[in-house]
Amino acid sequence: MSLRRTSHAVYDTSYHLVWCPKHRKKLFAEERLRERAKQLIYEIAEEYSWVIEELEVALDHVHLLISFPPRYAIGEVVRVIKSKSARELFREFPGIKKKLWAGEFWEDGYFARTVGDRMTRQIIEKYIQHHREMEQGPAQLGLKLR
């Protein structure tokens, strides 16, 4: 993955997101519904200039590898995708409402994980520890307080 830019940020972020239909119903057994859900998620991402790196709509959940600018919170991205896709899927496939109740398509929760390629957790921990040692180590001991 390469660096991406907005007018106020340069970033290299990817997120693995997973969420399920309400009650983990196997709604996407119907191929037409599954393909439309994929298409909608791609359209929503394009509307917001988010980059989908991978997407899979399984029988009872969605896996998404996505990159978006740091001005967006992870929860906001999930909320936008889930709300817009649910509204459109209910409109285009009214029979789904018989399988679900309370007018909700997706479960409330989701799974999120940040993804790194070269910058792993261990490298970042070492980097922070190195800077802590540099600032609190021998160089700092030589300062005299008045």
Protein backbone atom coordinates (compact mmCIF):
# COMPACT_ATOMS: atom_id res chain seq x y z
CA MET A 1 0.00 0.00 0.00
CA SER A 2 1.22 3.49 -0.72
CA LEU A 3 0.78 6.76 1.10
CA ARG A 4 -2.52 8.51 0.50
CA ARG A 5 -3.09 12.23 0.75
CA THR A 6 -5.85 14.67 1.56
CA SER A 7 -5.51 18.43 1.73
CA HIS A 8 -4.48 18.22 5.41
CA ALA A 9 -3.10 14.72 5.95
CA VAL A 10 -0.79 12.07 4.59
CA TYR A 11 -1.73 8.62 5.80
CA ASP A 12 -1.16 4.90 5.38
CA THR A 13 -3.97 3.20 7.28
CA SER A 14 -6.01 0.08 6.68
CA TYR A 15 -8.75 -1.40 8.82
CA HIS A 16 -10.24 -4.88 8.89
CA LEU A 17 -13.94 -4.47 9.69
CA VAL A 18 -16.51 -7.21 10.23
CA TRP A 19 -20.23 -6.98 11.00
CA CYS A 20 -23.31 -9.21 10.73
CA PRO A 21 -26.96 -8.98 9.75
CA LYS A 22 -29.36 -8.76 12.68
CA HIS A 23 -29.60 -12.04 14.61
CA ARG A 24 -26.79 -13.34 12.37
CA LYS A 25 -29.39 -14.39 9.82
CA LYS A 26 -28.00 -16.01 6.67
CA LEU A 27 -29.53 -13.33 4.46
CA PHE A 28 -26.84 -13.46 1.81
CA ALA A 29 -27.58 -17.01 0.72
CA GLU A 30 -29.51 -15.27 -2.08
CA GLU A 31 -26.84 -14.39 -4.67
CA ARG A 32 -28.72 -11.34 -5.97
CA LEU A 33 -28.89 -9.81 -2.49
CA ARG A 34 -25.23 -10.61 -1.79
CA GLU A 35 -24.04 -9.00 -5.04
CA ARG A 36 -26.19 -5.92 -4.44
CA ALA A 37 -24.80 -5.55 -0.91
CA LYS A 38 -21.24 -5.68 -2.30
CA GLN A 39 -22.10 -3.15 -4.98
CA LEU A 40 -23.67 -0.78 -2.43
CA ILE A 41 -20.64 -0.95 -0.13
CA TYR A 42 -18.34 -0.12 -3.05
CA GLU A 43 -20.61 2.79 -4.07
CA ILE A 44 -20.70 4.20 -0.53
CA ALA A 45 -16.92 3.96 -0.23
CA GLU A 46 -16.48 5.73 -3.55
CA GLU A 47 -18.89 8.50 -2.49
CA TYR A 48 -16.69 9.21 0.56
CA SER A 49 -13.35 8.62 -1.23
CA TRP A 50 -12.59 5.57 0.91
CA VAL A 51 -10.55 2.79 -0.68
CA ILE A 52 -11.77 -0.78 -0.40
CA GLU A 53 -8.82 -3.13 -0.64
CA GLU A 54 -10.83 -6.33 -0.11
CA LEU A 55 -14.50 -7.10 0.43
CA GLU A 56 -16.35 -10.34 1.06
CA VAL A 57 -20.03 -10.68 1.83
CA ALA A 58 -20.42 -14.13 3.38
CA LEU A 59 -23.73 -15.83 4.17
CA ASP A 60 -24.05 -14.15 7.59
CA HIS A 61 -21.36 -11.45 7.82
CA VAL A 62 -19.28 -8.91 5.92
CA HIS A 63 -15.46 -8.71 5.86
CA LEU A 64 -14.01 -5.43 4.69
CA LEU A 65 -10.41 -4.25 4.34
CA ILE A 66 -10.66 -0.50 3.88
CA SER A 67 -8.50 2.60 3.99
CA PHE A 68 -9.88 6.01 4.85
CA PRO A 69 -8.48 9.40 5.93
CA PRO A 70 -7.78 9.92 9.64
CA ARG A 71 -10.49 12.60 9.85
CA TYR A 72 -13.02 9.74 9.98
CA ALA A 73 -13.55 7.66 13.11
CA ILE A 74 -13.81 3.91 12.61
CA GLY A 75 -17.29 3.90 14.14
CA GLU A 76 -18.41 6.65 11.79
CA VAL A 77 -17.28 4.69 8.72
CA VAL A 78 -19.09 1.55 9.90
CA ARG A 79 -22.22 3.57 10.75
CA VAL A 80 -22.32 5.21 7.31
CA ILE A 81 -21.84 1.94 5.43
CA LYS A 82 -24.35 0.02 7.53
CA SER A 83 -27.06 2.69 7.55
CA LYS A 84 -26.89 3.57 3.85
CA SER A 85 -26.67 -0.04 2.71
CA ALA A 86 -29.53 -1.16 5.00
CA ARG A 87 -31.82 1.61 3.78
CA GLU A 88 -31.21 0.70 0.15
CA LEU A 89 -31.40 -3.08 0.66
CA PHE A 90 -34.75 -2.75 2.48
CA ARG A 91 -36.02 -0.57 -0.36
CA GLU A 92 -34.88 -2.90 -3.14
CA PHE A 93 -35.66 -6.20 -1.36
CA PRO A 94 -38.82 -5.57 0.70
CA GLY A 95 -39.20 -9.30 1.42
CA ILE A 96 -36.20 -9.10 3.78
CA LYS A 97 -38.38 -7.36 6.37
CA LYS A 98 -40.25 -10.66 6.89
CA LYS A 99 -36.98 -12.30 7.98
CA LEU A 100 -36.05 -9.42 10.27
CA TRP A 101 -38.04 -7.34 12.72
CA ALA A 102 -37.77 -3.91 14.31
CA GLY A 103 -36.65 -2.43 11.01
CA GLU A 104 -32.98 -3.22 11.58
CA PHE A 105 -30.84 -4.92 8.96
CA TRP A 106 -27.45 -5.03 10.70
CA GLU A 107 -26.38 -5.95 14.24
CA ASP A 108 -25.42 -2.94 16.35
CA GLY A 109 -21.83 -4.03 16.91
CA TYR A 110 -18.81 -4.63 14.72
CA PHE A 111 -15.23 -5.88 14.86
CA ALA A 112 -12.37 -3.54 13.94
CA ARG A 113 -8.63 -4.11 13.71
CA THR A 114 -5.95 -1.82 12.40
CA VAL A 115 -3.67 -3.43 9.86
CA GLY A 116 0.00 -2.73 9.34
CA ASP A 117 2.47 -4.04 6.82
CA ARG A 118 5.96 -2.84 7.69
CA MET A 119 5.04 -0.96 10.87
CA THR A 120 4.10 -3.68 13.33
CA ARG A 121 3.11 -3.29 16.95
CA GLN A 122 6.55 -4.48 18.09
CA ILE A 123 8.35 -1.88 15.96
CA ILE A 124 6.16 0.92 17.31
CA GLU A 125 6.70 -0.27 20.91
CA LYS A 126 10.49 -0.29 20.37
CA TYR A 127 10.33 3.16 18.75
CA ILE A 128 8.44 4.61 21.74
CA GLN A 129 10.74 2.87 24.23
CA HIS A 130 13.78 4.24 22.39
CA HIS A 131 12.42 7.78 22.61
CA ARG A 132 11.55 7.32 26.28
CA GLU A 133 15.14 6.24 26.96
CA MET A 134 16.48 9.16 24.93
CA GLU A 135 14.40 11.71 26.86
CA GLN A 136 14.67 10.19 30.34
CA GLY A 137 18.09 8.60 30.01
CA PRO A 138 21.54 10.06 30.72
CA ALA A 139 20.95 13.25 28.70
CA GLN A 140 18.09 14.26 31.03
CA LEU A 141 20.04 13.45 34.21
CA GLY A 142 22.55 16.17 33.41
CA LEU A 143 19.95 18.96 33.70
CA LYS A 144 19.85 20.99 36.89
CA LEU A 145 16.63 22.35 38.25
CA ARG A 146 16.62 25.83 39.82
